[in-house]
mmCIF file of all heavy atoms, coordinates in Angstrom:
data_MODEL
# 
_entry.id   MODEL 
# 
loop_
_atom_site.group_PDB 
_atom_site.id 
_atom_site.type_symbol 
_atom_site.label_atom_id 
_atom_site.label_alt_id 
_atom_site.label_comp_id 
_atom_site.label_asym_id 
_atom_site.label_entity_id 
_atom_site.label_seq_id 
_atom_site.pdbx_PDB_ins_code 
_atom_site.Cartn_x 
_atom_site.Cartn_y 
_atom_site.Cartn_z 
_atom_site.occupancy 
_atom_site.B_iso_or_equiv 
_atom_site.pdbx_formal_charge 
_atom_site.auth_seq_id 
_atom_site.auth_comp_id 
_atom_site.auth_asym_id 
_atom_site.auth_atom_id 
_atom_site.pdbx_PDB_model_num 
ATOM 1   N N   . LEU A 1 1  ? -32.352 60.036 136.047 1.00 0.00 ? 1  LEU A N   1 
ATOM 2   C CA  . LEU A 1 1  ? -32.090 58.640 136.047 1.00 0.00 ? 1  LEU A CA  1 
ATOM 3   C C   . LEU A 1 1  ? -32.103 58.165 137.432 1.00 0.00 ? 1  LEU A C   1 
ATOM 4   O O   . LEU A 1 1  ? -31.404 58.625 138.326 1.00 0.00 ? 1  LEU A O   1 
ATOM 5   C CB  . LEU A 1 1  ? -30.799 58.222 135.338 1.00 0.00 ? 1  LEU A CB  1 
ATOM 6   C CG  . LEU A 1 1  ? -30.506 56.730 135.256 1.00 0.00 ? 1  LEU A CG  1 
ATOM 7   C CD1 . LEU A 1 1  ? -31.442 56.174 134.143 1.00 0.00 ? 1  LEU A CD1 1 
ATOM 8   C CD2 . LEU A 1 1  ? -29.064 56.516 134.774 1.00 0.00 ? 1  LEU A CD2 1 
ATOM 9   N N   . GLY A 1 2  ? -32.917 57.203 137.772 1.00 0.00 ? 2  GLY A N   1 
ATOM 10  C CA  . GLY A 1 2  ? -33.023 56.670 139.117 1.00 0.00 ? 2  GLY A CA  1 
ATOM 11  C C   . GLY A 1 2  ? -33.967 57.433 140.071 1.00 0.00 ? 2  GLY A C   1 
ATOM 12  O O   . GLY A 1 2  ? -34.380 56.918 141.140 1.00 0.00 ? 2  GLY A O   1 
ATOM 13  N N   . ALA A 1 3  ? -34.183 58.730 139.693 1.00 0.00 ? 3  ALA A N   1 
ATOM 14  C CA  . ALA A 1 3  ? -35.127 59.588 140.490 1.00 0.00 ? 3  ALA A CA  1 
ATOM 15  C C   . ALA A 1 3  ? -36.590 59.459 140.147 1.00 0.00 ? 3  ALA A C   1 
ATOM 16  O O   . ALA A 1 3  ? -37.453 59.792 140.878 1.00 0.00 ? 3  ALA A O   1 
ATOM 17  C CB  . ALA A 1 3  ? -34.654 61.052 140.335 1.00 0.00 ? 3  ALA A CB  1 
ATOM 18  N N   . VAL A 1 4  ? -36.854 58.987 138.910 1.00 0.00 ? 4  VAL A N   1 
ATOM 19  C CA  . VAL A 1 4  ? -38.296 58.720 138.449 1.00 0.00 ? 4  VAL A CA  1 
ATOM 20  C C   . VAL A 1 4  ? -38.457 57.365 138.015 1.00 0.00 ? 4  VAL A C   1 
ATOM 21  O O   . VAL A 1 4  ? -37.470 56.683 137.438 1.00 0.00 ? 4  VAL A O   1 
ATOM 22  C CB  . VAL A 1 4  ? -38.642 59.759 137.403 1.00 0.00 ? 4  VAL A CB  1 
ATOM 23  C CG1 . VAL A 1 4  ? -38.529 61.257 137.861 1.00 0.00 ? 4  VAL A CG1 1 
ATOM 24  C CG2 . VAL A 1 4  ? -37.669 59.657 136.167 1.00 0.00 ? 4  VAL A CG2 1 
ATOM 25  N N   . ASP A 1 5  ? -39.582 56.877 138.041 1.00 0.00 ? 5  ASP A N   1 
ATOM 26  C CA  . ASP A 1 5  ? -39.914 55.509 137.603 1.00 0.00 ? 5  ASP A CA  1 
ATOM 27  C C   . ASP A 1 5  ? -39.964 55.416 136.056 1.00 0.00 ? 5  ASP A C   1 
ATOM 28  O O   . ASP A 1 5  ? -39.422 54.471 135.518 1.00 0.00 ? 5  ASP A O   1 
ATOM 29  C CB  . ASP A 1 5  ? -41.256 54.984 138.228 1.00 0.00 ? 5  ASP A CB  1 
ATOM 30  C CG  . ASP A 1 5  ? -41.160 54.754 139.700 1.00 0.00 ? 5  ASP A CG  1 
ATOM 31  O OD1 . ASP A 1 5  ? -40.059 54.518 140.153 1.00 0.00 ? 5  ASP A OD1 1 
ATOM 32  O OD2 . ASP A 1 5  ? -42.189 54.915 140.364 1.00 0.00 ? 5  ASP A OD2 1 
ATOM 33  N N   . ASP A 1 6  ? -40.623 56.345 135.506 1.00 0.00 ? 6  ASP A N   1 
ATOM 34  C CA  . ASP A 1 6  ? -40.746 56.433 133.960 1.00 0.00 ? 6  ASP A CA  1 
ATOM 35  C C   . ASP A 1 6  ? -39.622 57.385 133.425 1.00 0.00 ? 6  ASP A C   1 
ATOM 36  O O   . ASP A 1 6  ? -39.895 58.591 133.253 1.00 0.00 ? 6  ASP A O   1 
ATOM 37  C CB  . ASP A 1 6  ? -42.044 56.898 133.611 1.00 0.00 ? 6  ASP A CB  1 
ATOM 38  C CG  . ASP A 1 6  ? -43.093 55.901 134.022 1.00 0.00 ? 6  ASP A CG  1 
ATOM 39  O OD1 . ASP A 1 6  ? -42.840 54.730 134.085 1.00 0.00 ? 6  ASP A OD1 1 
ATOM 40  O OD2 . ASP A 1 6  ? -44.285 56.423 134.395 1.00 0.00 ? 6  ASP A OD2 1 
ATOM 41  N N   . PHE A 1 7  ? -38.447 56.882 133.314 1.00 0.00 ? 7  PHE A N   1 
ATOM 42  C CA  . PHE A 1 7  ? -37.287 57.669 132.909 1.00 0.00 ? 7  PHE A CA  1 
ATOM 43  C C   . PHE A 1 7  ? -37.508 58.381 131.500 1.00 0.00 ? 7  PHE A C   1 
ATOM 44  O O   . PHE A 1 7  ? -37.433 59.616 131.407 1.00 0.00 ? 7  PHE A O   1 
ATOM 45  C CB  . PHE A 1 7  ? -35.980 56.880 132.948 1.00 0.00 ? 7  PHE A CB  1 
ATOM 46  C CG  . PHE A 1 7  ? -34.775 57.618 132.376 1.00 0.00 ? 7  PHE A CG  1 
ATOM 47  C CD1 . PHE A 1 7  ? -34.273 58.599 133.055 1.00 0.00 ? 7  PHE A CD1 1 
ATOM 48  C CD2 . PHE A 1 7  ? -34.296 57.267 131.140 1.00 0.00 ? 7  PHE A CD2 1 
ATOM 49  C CE1 . PHE A 1 7  ? -33.129 59.283 132.558 1.00 0.00 ? 7  PHE A CE1 1 
ATOM 50  C CE2 . PHE A 1 7  ? -33.180 57.893 130.556 1.00 0.00 ? 7  PHE A CE2 1 
ATOM 51  C CZ  . PHE A 1 7  ? -32.594 58.960 131.349 1.00 0.00 ? 7  PHE A CZ  1 
ATOM 52  N N   . LEU A 1 8  ? -37.699 57.613 130.547 1.00 0.00 ? 8  LEU A N   1 
ATOM 53  C CA  . LEU A 1 8  ? -37.769 58.208 129.142 1.00 0.00 ? 8  LEU A CA  1 
ATOM 54  C C   . LEU A 1 8  ? -38.994 59.139 129.099 1.00 0.00 ? 8  LEU A C   1 
ATOM 55  O O   . LEU A 1 8  ? -38.866 60.176 128.372 1.00 0.00 ? 8  LEU A O   1 
ATOM 56  C CB  . LEU A 1 8  ? -37.965 57.036 128.157 1.00 0.00 ? 8  LEU A CB  1 
ATOM 57  C CG  . LEU A 1 8  ? -36.657 56.280 127.872 1.00 0.00 ? 8  LEU A CG  1 
ATOM 58  C CD1 . LEU A 1 8  ? -36.765 55.235 126.743 1.00 0.00 ? 8  LEU A CD1 1 
ATOM 59  C CD2 . LEU A 1 8  ? -35.413 57.125 127.549 1.00 0.00 ? 8  LEU A CD2 1 
ATOM 60  N N   . PRO A 1 9  ? -40.194 58.817 129.531 1.00 0.00 ? 9  PRO A N   1 
ATOM 61  C CA  . PRO A 1 9  ? -41.283 59.768 129.512 1.00 0.00 ? 9  PRO A CA  1 
ATOM 62  C C   . PRO A 1 9  ? -40.897 61.119 130.192 1.00 0.00 ? 9  PRO A C   1 
ATOM 63  O O   . PRO A 1 9  ? -41.284 62.191 129.812 1.00 0.00 ? 9  PRO A O   1 
ATOM 64  C CB  . PRO A 1 9  ? -42.474 59.186 130.224 1.00 0.00 ? 9  PRO A CB  1 
ATOM 65  C CG  . PRO A 1 9  ? -42.213 57.649 129.879 1.00 0.00 ? 9  PRO A CG  1 
ATOM 66  C CD  . PRO A 1 9  ? -40.736 57.535 129.987 1.00 0.00 ? 9  PRO A CD  1 
ATOM 67  N N   . ALA A 1 10 ? -40.152 61.076 131.281 1.00 0.00 ? 10 ALA A N   1 
ATOM 68  C CA  . ALA A 1 10 ? -39.761 62.298 131.999 1.00 0.00 ? 10 ALA A CA  1 
ATOM 69  C C   . ALA A 1 10 ? -38.713 63.033 131.059 1.00 0.00 ? 10 ALA A C   1 
ATOM 70  O O   . ALA A 1 10 ? -38.828 64.296 131.006 1.00 0.00 ? 10 ALA A O   1 
ATOM 71  C CB  . ALA A 1 10 ? -39.060 61.976 133.275 1.00 0.00 ? 10 ALA A CB  1 
ATOM 72  N N   . CYS A 1 11 ? -37.902 62.311 130.414 1.00 0.00 ? 11 CYS A N   1 
ATOM 73  C CA  . CYS A 1 11 ? -36.907 63.065 129.523 1.00 0.00 ? 11 CYS A CA  1 
ATOM 74  C C   . CYS A 1 11 ? -37.599 63.655 128.352 1.00 0.00 ? 11 CYS A C   1 
ATOM 75  O O   . CYS A 1 11 ? -37.254 64.786 128.001 1.00 0.00 ? 11 CYS A O   1 
ATOM 76  C CB  . CYS A 1 11 ? -35.836 62.050 129.003 1.00 0.00 ? 11 CYS A CB  1 
ATOM 77  S SG  . CYS A 1 11 ? -34.752 61.429 130.215 1.00 0.00 ? 11 CYS A SG  1 
ATOM 78  N N   . ASN A 1 12 ? -38.606 62.920 127.860 1.00 0.00 ? 12 ASN A N   1 
ATOM 79  C CA  . ASN A 1 12 ? -39.439 63.510 126.809 1.00 0.00 ? 12 ASN A CA  1 
ATOM 80  C C   . ASN A 1 12 ? -40.200 64.769 127.207 1.00 0.00 ? 12 ASN A C   1 
ATOM 81  O O   . ASN A 1 12 ? -40.279 65.693 126.424 1.00 0.00 ? 12 ASN A O   1 
ATOM 82  C CB  . ASN A 1 12 ? -40.411 62.399 126.355 1.00 0.00 ? 12 ASN A CB  1 
ATOM 83  C CG  . ASN A 1 12 ? -41.298 62.872 125.155 1.00 0.00 ? 12 ASN A CG  1 
ATOM 84  O OD1 . ASN A 1 12 ? -40.916 62.928 124.041 1.00 0.00 ? 12 ASN A OD1 1 
ATOM 85  N ND2 . ASN A 1 12 ? -42.533 63.280 125.487 1.00 0.00 ? 12 ASN A ND2 1 
ATOM 86  N N   . ALA A 1 13 ? -40.730 64.737 128.353 1.00 0.00 ? 13 ALA A N   1 
ATOM 87  C CA  . ALA A 1 13 ? -41.449 65.849 128.844 1.00 0.00 ? 13 ALA A CA  1 
ATOM 88  C C   . ALA A 1 13 ? -40.503 67.111 128.981 1.00 0.00 ? 13 ALA A C   1 
ATOM 89  O O   . ALA A 1 13 ? -40.903 68.237 128.594 1.00 0.00 ? 13 ALA A O   1 
ATOM 90  C CB  . ALA A 1 13 ? -42.141 65.633 130.148 1.00 0.00 ? 13 ALA A CB  1 
ATOM 91  N N   . TYR A 1 14 ? -39.336 66.838 129.426 1.00 0.00 ? 14 TYR A N   1 
ATOM 92  C CA  . TYR A 1 14 ? -38.331 67.937 129.572 1.00 0.00 ? 14 TYR A CA  1 
ATOM 93  C C   . TYR A 1 14 ? -38.030 68.510 128.200 1.00 0.00 ? 14 TYR A C   1 
ATOM 94  O O   . TYR A 1 14 ? -38.010 69.765 128.042 1.00 0.00 ? 14 TYR A O   1 
ATOM 95  C CB  . TYR A 1 14 ? -37.091 67.506 130.235 1.00 0.00 ? 14 TYR A CB  1 
ATOM 96  C CG  . TYR A 1 14 ? -35.913 68.444 130.155 1.00 0.00 ? 14 TYR A CG  1 
ATOM 97  C CD1 . TYR A 1 14 ? -35.872 69.494 130.967 1.00 0.00 ? 14 TYR A CD1 1 
ATOM 98  C CD2 . TYR A 1 14 ? -34.932 68.172 129.214 1.00 0.00 ? 14 TYR A CD2 1 
ATOM 99  C CE1 . TYR A 1 14 ? -34.821 70.429 130.976 1.00 0.00 ? 14 TYR A CE1 1 
ATOM 100 C CE2 . TYR A 1 14 ? -33.892 69.115 129.134 1.00 0.00 ? 14 TYR A CE2 1 
ATOM 101 C CZ  . TYR A 1 14 ? -33.757 70.219 129.974 1.00 0.00 ? 14 TYR A CZ  1 
ATOM 102 O OH  . TYR A 1 14 ? -32.726 71.121 129.899 1.00 0.00 ? 14 TYR A OH  1 
ATOM 103 N N   . LEU A 1 15 ? -37.686 67.678 127.205 1.00 0.00 ? 15 LEU A N   1 
ATOM 104 C CA  . LEU A 1 15 ? -37.337 68.169 125.857 1.00 0.00 ? 15 LEU A CA  1 
ATOM 105 C C   . LEU A 1 15 ? -38.487 68.820 125.142 1.00 0.00 ? 15 LEU A C   1 
ATOM 106 O O   . LEU A 1 15 ? -38.308 69.746 124.384 1.00 0.00 ? 15 LEU A O   1 
ATOM 107 C CB  . LEU A 1 15 ? -36.774 66.976 125.095 1.00 0.00 ? 15 LEU A CB  1 
ATOM 108 C CG  . LEU A 1 15 ? -35.376 66.422 125.489 1.00 0.00 ? 15 LEU A CG  1 
ATOM 109 C CD1 . LEU A 1 15 ? -35.090 65.163 124.643 1.00 0.00 ? 15 LEU A CD1 1 
ATOM 110 C CD2 . LEU A 1 15 ? -34.355 67.449 125.345 1.00 0.00 ? 15 LEU A CD2 1 
ATOM 111 N N   . HIS A 1 16 ? -39.607 68.343 125.395 1.00 0.00 ? 16 HIS A N   1 
ATOM 112 C CA  . HIS A 1 16 ? -40.838 68.874 124.759 1.00 0.00 ? 16 HIS A CA  1 
ATOM 113 C C   . HIS A 1 16 ? -41.119 70.330 125.257 1.00 0.00 ? 16 HIS A C   1 
ATOM 114 O O   . HIS A 1 16 ? -41.604 71.181 124.443 1.00 0.00 ? 16 HIS A O   1 
ATOM 115 C CB  . HIS A 1 16 ? -42.063 67.970 124.946 1.00 0.00 ? 16 HIS A CB  1 
ATOM 116 C CG  . HIS A 1 16 ? -43.189 68.368 124.078 1.00 0.00 ? 16 HIS A CG  1 
ATOM 117 N ND1 . HIS A 1 16 ? -44.210 69.206 124.426 1.00 0.00 ? 16 HIS A ND1 1 
ATOM 118 C CD2 . HIS A 1 16 ? -43.485 67.945 122.727 1.00 0.00 ? 16 HIS A CD2 1 
ATOM 119 C CE1 . HIS A 1 16 ? -45.065 69.280 123.428 1.00 0.00 ? 16 HIS A CE1 1 
ATOM 120 N NE2 . HIS A 1 16 ? -44.664 68.568 122.426 1.00 0.00 ? 16 HIS A NE2 1 
ATOM 121 N N   . ARG A 1 17 ? -40.658 70.647 126.446 1.00 0.00 ? 17 ARG A N   1 
ATOM 122 C CA  . ARG A 1 17 ? -40.810 72.002 126.992 1.00 0.00 ? 17 ARG A CA  1 
ATOM 123 C C   . ARG A 1 17 ? -39.729 72.960 126.361 1.00 0.00 ? 17 ARG A C   1 
ATOM 124 O O   . ARG A 1 17 ? -40.003 74.161 126.469 1.00 0.00 ? 17 ARG A O   1 
ATOM 125 C CB  . ARG A 1 17 ? -40.708 72.017 128.496 1.00 0.00 ? 17 ARG A CB  1 
ATOM 126 C CG  . ARG A 1 17 ? -41.952 71.345 129.167 1.00 0.00 ? 17 ARG A CG  1 
ATOM 127 C CD  . ARG A 1 17 ? -41.919 71.708 130.641 1.00 0.00 ? 17 ARG A CD  1 
ATOM 128 N NE  . ARG A 1 17 ? -40.736 71.263 131.303 1.00 0.00 ? 17 ARG A NE  1 
ATOM 129 C CZ  . ARG A 1 17 ? -40.669 70.092 131.967 1.00 0.00 ? 17 ARG A CZ  1 
ATOM 130 N NH1 . ARG A 1 17 ? -41.673 69.229 131.990 1.00 0.00 ? 17 ARG A NH1 1 
ATOM 131 N NH2 . ARG A 1 17 ? -39.458 69.657 132.550 1.00 0.00 ? 17 ARG A NH2 1 
ATOM 132 N N   . GLN A 1 18 ? -38.731 72.442 125.877 1.00 0.00 ? 18 GLN A N   1 
ATOM 133 C CA  . GLN A 1 18 ? -37.623 73.329 125.319 1.00 0.00 ? 18 GLN A CA  1 
ATOM 134 C C   . GLN A 1 18 ? -37.993 73.597 123.867 1.00 0.00 ? 18 GLN A C   1 
ATOM 135 O O   . GLN A 1 18 ? -37.677 72.942 122.945 1.00 0.00 ? 18 GLN A O   1 
ATOM 136 C CB  . GLN A 1 18 ? -36.299 72.504 125.402 1.00 0.00 ? 18 GLN A CB  1 
ATOM 137 C CG  . GLN A 1 18 ? -35.909 71.920 126.672 1.00 0.00 ? 18 GLN A CG  1 
ATOM 138 C CD  . GLN A 1 18 ? -35.930 72.927 127.768 1.00 0.00 ? 18 GLN A CD  1 
ATOM 139 O OE1 . GLN A 1 18 ? -35.246 74.017 127.691 1.00 0.00 ? 18 GLN A OE1 1 
ATOM 140 N NE2 . GLN A 1 18 ? -36.564 72.697 128.892 1.00 0.00 ? 18 GLN A NE2 1 
ATOM 141 N N   . ARG A 1 19 ? -38.677 74.719 123.743 1.00 0.00 ? 19 ARG A N   1 
ATOM 142 C CA  . ARG A 1 19 ? -39.242 75.120 122.439 1.00 0.00 ? 19 ARG A CA  1 
ATOM 143 C C   . ARG A 1 19 ? -38.123 75.501 121.464 1.00 0.00 ? 19 ARG A C   1 
ATOM 144 O O   . ARG A 1 19 ? -38.243 75.396 120.266 1.00 0.00 ? 19 ARG A O   1 
ATOM 145 C CB  . ARG A 1 19 ? -40.200 76.294 122.571 1.00 0.00 ? 19 ARG A CB  1 
ATOM 146 C CG  . ARG A 1 19 ? -41.397 75.993 123.381 1.00 0.00 ? 19 ARG A CG  1 
ATOM 147 C CD  . ARG A 1 19 ? -42.289 77.159 123.524 1.00 0.00 ? 19 ARG A CD  1 
ATOM 148 N NE  . ARG A 1 19 ? -43.522 76.817 124.338 1.00 0.00 ? 19 ARG A NE  1 
ATOM 149 C CZ  . ARG A 1 19 ? -44.419 77.700 124.552 1.00 0.00 ? 19 ARG A CZ  1 
ATOM 150 N NH1 . ARG A 1 19 ? -44.334 78.998 124.128 1.00 0.00 ? 19 ARG A NH1 1 
ATOM 151 N NH2 . ARG A 1 19 ? -45.489 77.321 125.282 1.00 0.00 ? 19 ARG A NH2 1 
ATOM 152 N N   . GLU A 1 20 ? -36.945 75.877 122.011 1.00 0.00 ? 20 GLU A N   1 
ATOM 153 C CA  . GLU A 1 20 ? -35.894 76.302 121.009 1.00 0.00 ? 20 GLU A CA  1 
ATOM 154 C C   . GLU A 1 20 ? -34.854 75.221 120.825 1.00 0.00 ? 20 GLU A C   1 
ATOM 155 O O   . GLU A 1 20 ? -33.859 75.397 120.277 1.00 0.00 ? 20 GLU A O   1 
ATOM 156 C CB  . GLU A 1 20 ? -35.142 77.500 121.694 1.00 0.00 ? 20 GLU A CB  1 
ATOM 157 C CG  . GLU A 1 20 ? -35.975 78.752 121.933 1.00 0.00 ? 20 GLU A CG  1 
ATOM 158 C CD  . GLU A 1 20 ? -35.254 79.934 122.530 1.00 0.00 ? 20 GLU A CD  1 
ATOM 159 O OE1 . GLU A 1 20 ? -34.065 79.739 122.822 1.00 0.00 ? 20 GLU A OE1 1 
ATOM 160 O OE2 . GLU A 1 20 ? -35.793 81.003 122.752 1.00 0.00 ? 20 GLU A OE2 1 
ATOM 161 N N   . ALA A 1 21 ? -35.193 74.008 121.306 1.00 0.00 ? 21 ALA A N   1 
ATOM 162 C CA  . ALA A 1 21 ? -34.283 72.840 121.097 1.00 0.00 ? 21 ALA A CA  1 
ATOM 163 C C   . ALA A 1 21 ? -34.235 72.552 119.590 1.00 0.00 ? 21 ALA A C   1 
ATOM 164 O O   . ALA A 1 21 ? -35.185 72.651 118.746 1.00 0.00 ? 21 ALA A O   1 
ATOM 165 C CB  . ALA A 1 21 ? -34.807 71.636 121.865 1.00 0.00 ? 21 ALA A CB  1 
ATOM 166 N N   . GLU A 1 22 ? -32.985 72.263 119.136 1.00 0.00 ? 22 GLU A N   1 
ATOM 167 C CA  . GLU A 1 22 ? -32.729 71.883 117.718 1.00 0.00 ? 22 GLU A CA  1 
ATOM 168 C C   . GLU A 1 22 ? -32.253 70.394 117.595 1.00 0.00 ? 22 GLU A C   1 
ATOM 169 O O   . GLU A 1 22 ? -31.614 69.874 118.485 1.00 0.00 ? 22 GLU A O   1 
ATOM 170 C CB  . GLU A 1 22 ? -31.608 72.778 117.230 1.00 0.00 ? 22 GLU A CB  1 
ATOM 171 C CG  . GLU A 1 22 ? -32.030 74.281 117.198 1.00 0.00 ? 22 GLU A CG  1 
ATOM 172 C CD  . GLU A 1 22 ? -30.751 75.129 116.687 1.00 0.00 ? 22 GLU A CD  1 
ATOM 173 O OE1 . GLU A 1 22 ? -29.776 74.546 116.326 1.00 0.00 ? 22 GLU A OE1 1 
ATOM 174 O OE2 . GLU A 1 22 ? -30.963 76.330 116.607 1.00 0.00 ? 22 GLU A OE2 1 
ATOM 175 N N   . GLY A 1 23 ? -32.800 69.788 116.523 1.00 0.00 ? 23 GLY A N   1 
ATOM 176 C CA  . GLY A 1 23 ? -32.357 68.467 116.355 1.00 0.00 ? 23 GLY A CA  1 
ATOM 177 C C   . GLY A 1 23 ? -33.213 67.486 117.106 1.00 0.00 ? 23 GLY A C   1 
ATOM 178 O O   . GLY A 1 23 ? -34.143 67.905 117.800 1.00 0.00 ? 23 GLY A O   1 
ATOM 179 N N   . PHE A 1 24 ? -32.843 66.244 117.103 1.00 0.00 ? 24 PHE A N   1 
ATOM 180 C CA  . PHE A 1 24 ? -33.589 65.264 117.828 1.00 0.00 ? 24 PHE A CA  1 
ATOM 181 C C   . PHE A 1 24 ? -32.710 64.474 118.786 1.00 0.00 ? 24 PHE A C   1 
ATOM 182 O O   . PHE A 1 24 ? -31.497 64.530 118.680 1.00 0.00 ? 24 PHE A O   1 
ATOM 183 C CB  . PHE A 1 24 ? -34.296 64.231 116.884 1.00 0.00 ? 24 PHE A CB  1 
ATOM 184 C CG  . PHE A 1 24 ? -33.314 63.497 115.992 1.00 0.00 ? 24 PHE A CG  1 
ATOM 185 C CD1 . PHE A 1 24 ? -32.763 62.288 116.395 1.00 0.00 ? 24 PHE A CD1 1 
ATOM 186 C CD2 . PHE A 1 24 ? -32.977 63.980 114.731 1.00 0.00 ? 24 PHE A CD2 1 
ATOM 187 C CE1 . PHE A 1 24 ? -31.859 61.619 115.643 1.00 0.00 ? 24 PHE A CE1 1 
ATOM 188 C CE2 . PHE A 1 24 ? -32.000 63.286 113.874 1.00 0.00 ? 24 PHE A CE2 1 
ATOM 189 C CZ  . PHE A 1 24 ? -31.508 62.177 114.351 1.00 0.00 ? 24 PHE A CZ  1 
# 
């Protein structure tokens, strides 16, 4: 937050890389 212009796309990219992530 505040470090990138496109906050939600950056969060989405991080979560998409977490292959073992559960839930949404």
